[in-house]
Amino acid sequence: MGIRFHPHALERMTERGATEQEVMLTVTEGERFPVKFGRTGFRRNFPFQGQWRGRDFAFKQVEAYAVGEEGDWLVITVIVRYY
């Protein structure tokens, strides 16, 4: 199954500090859970050890919300949490 990105997801990734590689790893290797509207959520934690918006964080959690479409996952949006 391939992974494609909706333009909205690409904008949110840039805005929230996630890379395409992190989102792809989240979808292929992360925890899977059901979300609204028949979509699927994926979650994975990554070591971060850096600054985000002037604060230091050790980890970041990437969540990707996707829908199965034509045999691929279409990532609709991405949420990133730093801790």
N, C-alpha and C. Protein backbone atom coordinates (compact mmCIF):
# COMPACT_ATOMS: atom_id res chain seq x y z
N MET A 1 0.84 -1.18 0.00
CA MET A 1 0.00 0.00 0.00
C MET A 1 0.89 1.25 0.00
N GLY A 2 0.66 2.14 -0.92
CA GLY A 2 1.43 3.38 -1.00
C GLY A 2 0.87 4.45 -0.08
N ILE A 3 1.61 5.54 0.03
CA ILE A 3 1.19 6.67 0.86
C ILE A 3 1.22 7.92 0.00
N ARG A 4 0.08 8.61 -0.03
CA ARG A 4 -0.01 9.88 -0.75
C ARG A 4 -0.42 10.97 0.24
N PHE A 5 -0.12 12.22 -0.10
CA PHE A 5 -0.40 13.33 0.80
C PHE A 5 -1.38 14.31 0.15
N HIS A 6 -2.46 14.62 0.86
CA HIS A 6 -3.38 15.66 0.44
C HIS A 6 -2.67 17.00 0.63
N PRO A 7 -2.94 17.99 -0.20
CA PRO A 7 -2.29 19.31 -0.03
C PRO A 7 -2.48 19.89 1.38
N HIS A 8 -3.64 19.65 1.99
CA HIS A 8 -3.86 20.12 3.36
C HIS A 8 -2.85 19.50 4.32
N ALA A 9 -2.60 18.20 4.17
CA ALA A 9 -1.64 17.51 5.04
C ALA A 9 -0.24 18.09 4.86
N LEU A 10 0.16 18.37 3.63
CA LEU A 10 1.49 18.94 3.38
C LEU A 10 1.63 20.31 4.06
N GLU A 11 0.58 21.11 4.01
CA GLU A 11 0.62 22.42 4.68
C GLU A 11 0.74 22.25 6.19
N ARG A 12 -0.05 21.35 6.76
CA ARG A 12 -0.01 21.14 8.21
C ARG A 12 1.33 20.58 8.65
N MET A 13 1.93 19.70 7.85
CA MET A 13 3.24 19.14 8.19
C MET A 13 4.28 20.24 8.32
N THR A 14 4.30 21.15 7.36
CA THR A 14 5.25 22.26 7.38
C THR A 14 4.98 23.16 8.58
N GLU A 15 3.74 23.47 8.80
CA GLU A 15 3.32 24.35 9.89
C GLU A 15 3.62 23.77 11.27
N ARG A 16 3.54 22.44 11.39
CA ARG A 16 3.64 21.79 12.69
C ARG A 16 4.97 21.06 12.94
N GLY A 17 5.85 21.05 11.95
CA GLY A 17 7.19 20.51 12.16
C GLY A 17 7.37 19.03 11.92
N ALA A 18 6.57 18.42 11.07
CA ALA A 18 6.74 17.01 10.73
C ALA A 18 7.31 16.89 9.32
N THR A 19 8.13 15.89 9.10
CA THR A 19 8.68 15.65 7.77
C THR A 19 7.88 14.55 7.07
N GLU A 20 8.01 14.48 5.76
CA GLU A 20 7.33 13.42 5.01
C GLU A 20 7.81 12.06 5.48
N GLN A 21 9.11 11.94 5.75
CA GLN A 21 9.66 10.66 6.21
C GLN A 21 9.05 10.24 7.55
N GLU A 22 8.90 11.19 8.48
CA GLU A 22 8.29 10.86 9.77
C GLU A 22 6.85 10.41 9.60
N VAL A 23 6.11 11.09 8.74
CA VAL A 23 4.72 10.70 8.52
C VAL A 23 4.64 9.33 7.85
N MET A 24 5.51 9.06 6.91
CA MET A 24 5.51 7.76 6.25
C MET A 24 5.83 6.64 7.26
N LEU A 25 6.81 6.89 8.14
CA LEU A 25 7.12 5.90 9.19
C LEU A 25 5.95 5.73 10.15
N THR A 26 5.26 6.81 10.45
CA THR A 26 4.10 6.75 11.34
C THR A 26 3.02 5.87 10.72
N VAL A 27 2.76 6.03 9.44
CA VAL A 27 1.71 5.25 8.78
C VAL A 27 2.14 3.78 8.65
N THR A 28 3.38 3.53 8.32
CA THR A 28 3.81 2.14 8.09
C THR A 28 4.15 1.37 9.36
N GLU A 29 4.63 2.07 10.40
CA GLU A 29 5.10 1.37 11.60
C GLU A 29 4.43 1.81 12.89
N GLY A 30 3.58 2.83 12.84
CA GLY A 30 2.98 3.36 14.06
C GLY A 30 1.76 2.60 14.53
N GLU A 31 1.27 3.02 15.69
CA GLU A 31 0.04 2.48 16.25
C GLU A 31 -1.13 2.93 15.38
N ARG A 32 -2.06 2.02 15.13
CA ARG A 32 -3.23 2.33 14.29
C ARG A 32 -4.46 2.38 15.18
N PHE A 33 -5.35 3.37 14.92
CA PHE A 33 -6.56 3.50 15.70
C PHE A 33 -7.67 4.11 14.84
N PRO A 34 -8.93 3.77 15.14
CA PRO A 34 -10.04 4.33 14.35
C PRO A 34 -10.32 5.78 14.75
N VAL A 35 -10.72 6.59 13.77
CA VAL A 35 -11.11 7.97 14.01
C VAL A 35 -12.43 8.24 13.29
N LYS A 36 -12.93 9.46 13.41
CA LYS A 36 -14.23 9.83 12.83
C LYS A 36 -14.29 9.64 11.32
N PHE A 37 -15.50 9.52 10.84
CA PHE A 37 -15.81 9.49 9.41
C PHE A 37 -15.17 8.31 8.67
N GLY A 38 -14.93 7.19 9.39
CA GLY A 38 -14.39 6.00 8.76
C GLY A 38 -12.92 6.09 8.40
N ARG A 39 -12.24 7.08 8.92
CA ARG A 39 -10.81 7.24 8.64
C ARG A 39 -9.99 6.46 9.65
N THR A 40 -8.69 6.40 9.40
CA THR A 40 -7.77 5.67 10.27
C THR A 40 -6.71 6.64 10.77
N GLY A 41 -6.42 6.56 12.05
CA GLY A 41 -5.35 7.37 12.64
C GLY A 41 -4.12 6.51 12.88
N PHE A 42 -2.97 7.13 12.77
CA PHE A 42 -1.70 6.47 13.02
C PHE A 42 -0.91 7.36 13.98
N ARG A 43 -0.20 6.75 14.93
CA ARG A 43 0.53 7.52 15.93
C ARG A 43 1.90 6.88 16.16
N ARG A 44 2.92 7.74 16.25
CA ARG A 44 4.26 7.25 16.55
C ARG A 44 5.05 8.34 17.25
N ASN A 45 5.88 7.94 18.23
CA ASN A 45 6.76 8.87 18.93
C ASN A 45 8.16 8.82 18.33
N PHE A 46 8.79 9.99 18.26
CA PHE A 46 10.14 10.11 17.73
C PHE A 46 11.02 10.85 18.74
N PRO A 47 12.28 10.44 18.89
CA PRO A 47 13.20 11.26 19.69
C PRO A 47 13.38 12.60 18.98
N PHE A 48 13.42 13.69 19.73
CA PHE A 48 13.52 15.00 19.12
C PHE A 48 14.77 15.75 19.58
N GLN A 49 14.95 15.89 20.89
CA GLN A 49 16.13 16.56 21.45
C GLN A 49 16.43 17.88 20.76
N GLY A 50 15.45 18.74 20.70
CA GLY A 50 15.65 20.03 20.03
C GLY A 50 14.68 21.07 20.53
N GLN A 51 14.67 22.20 19.83
CA GLN A 51 13.77 23.29 20.18
C GLN A 51 12.65 23.41 19.16
N TRP A 52 11.48 23.70 19.69
CA TRP A 52 10.33 24.01 18.85
C TRP A 52 9.70 25.27 19.44
N ARG A 53 9.65 26.31 18.63
CA ARG A 53 9.08 27.59 19.05
C ARG A 53 9.67 28.08 20.37
N GLY A 54 11.01 27.99 20.47
CA GLY A 54 11.73 28.55 21.60
C GLY A 54 11.75 27.72 22.87
N ARG A 55 11.21 26.51 22.82
CA ARG A 55 11.23 25.63 23.99
C ARG A 55 11.91 24.32 23.65
N ASP A 56 12.59 23.74 24.65
CA ASP A 56 13.29 22.47 24.47
C ASP A 56 12.35 21.29 24.71
N PHE A 57 12.48 20.29 23.85
CA PHE A 57 11.68 19.08 23.97
C PHE A 57 12.54 17.86 23.67
N ALA A 58 12.24 16.76 24.34
CA ALA A 58 12.98 15.51 24.13
C ALA A 58 12.33 14.62 23.08
N PHE A 59 11.03 14.72 22.93
CA PHE A 59 10.29 13.84 22.01
C PHE A 59 9.25 14.63 21.24
N LYS A 60 8.85 14.06 20.11
CA LYS A 60 7.67 14.56 19.42
C LYS A 60 6.83 13.38 18.99
N GLN A 61 5.53 13.58 19.03
CA GLN A 61 4.58 12.56 18.64
C GLN A 61 3.89 13.03 17.36
N VAL A 62 3.91 12.17 16.36
CA VAL A 62 3.28 12.49 15.08
C VAL A 62 2.02 11.63 14.96
N GLU A 63 0.91 12.29 14.65
CA GLU A 63 -0.34 11.60 14.35
C GLU A 63 -0.74 11.95 12.93
N ALA A 64 -1.05 10.93 12.15
CA ALA A 64 -1.50 11.13 10.77
C ALA A 64 -2.90 10.53 10.65
N TYR A 65 -3.80 11.28 10.03
CA TYR A 65 -5.16 10.82 9.79
C TYR A 65 -5.31 10.58 8.30
N ALA A 66 -5.72 9.36 7.96
CA ALA A 66 -5.72 8.96 6.55
C ALA A 66 -7.00 8.20 6.20
N VAL A 67 -7.22 8.10 4.90
CA VAL A 67 -8.32 7.31 4.37
C VAL A 67 -7.75 6.39 3.29
N GLY A 68 -8.26 5.16 3.26
CA GLY A 68 -7.84 4.24 2.22
C GLY A 68 -8.48 4.65 0.90
N GLU A 69 -7.66 4.80 -0.14
CA GLU A 69 -8.17 5.25 -1.43
C GLU A 69 -7.38 4.60 -2.55
N GLU A 70 -8.05 3.82 -3.37
CA GLU A 70 -7.44 3.17 -4.53
C GLU A 70 -6.20 2.35 -4.15
N GLY A 71 -6.28 1.64 -3.03
CA GLY A 71 -5.18 0.78 -2.60
C GLY A 71 -4.05 1.51 -1.89
N ASP A 72 -4.17 2.81 -1.72
CA ASP A 72 -3.15 3.61 -1.03
C ASP A 72 -3.76 4.25 0.22
N TRP A 73 -2.90 4.78 1.08
CA TRP A 73 -3.35 5.64 2.16
C TRP A 73 -3.21 7.08 1.69
N LEU A 74 -4.28 7.84 1.79
CA LEU A 74 -4.25 9.26 1.49
C LEU A 74 -4.25 9.98 2.84
N VAL A 75 -3.12 10.59 3.19
CA VAL A 75 -3.00 11.30 4.46
C VAL A 75 -3.73 12.63 4.31
N ILE A 76 -4.72 12.84 5.19
CA ILE A 76 -5.57 14.03 5.13
C ILE A 76 -4.99 15.17 5.95
N THR A 77 -4.54 14.86 7.17
CA THR A 77 -3.96 15.89 8.03
C THR A 77 -2.96 15.26 8.99
N VAL A 78 -2.15 16.11 9.60
CA VAL A 78 -1.10 15.66 10.51
C VAL A 78 -1.11 16.55 11.74
N ILE A 79 -1.01 15.93 12.91
CA ILE A 79 -0.92 16.63 14.19
C ILE A 79 0.44 16.28 14.81
N VAL A 80 1.10 17.26 15.40
CA VAL A 80 2.39 17.00 16.06
C VAL A 80 2.32 17.56 17.47
N ARG A 81 2.73 16.72 18.43
CA ARG A 81 2.82 17.14 19.84
C ARG A 81 4.26 17.02 20.28
N TYR A 82 4.73 18.02 20.99
CA TYR A 82 6.09 18.01 21.51
C TYR A 82 6.05 17.85 23.02
N TYR A 83 6.94 17.04 23.56
CA TYR A 83 7.01 16.87 25.01
C TYR A 83 8.40 16.46 25.44
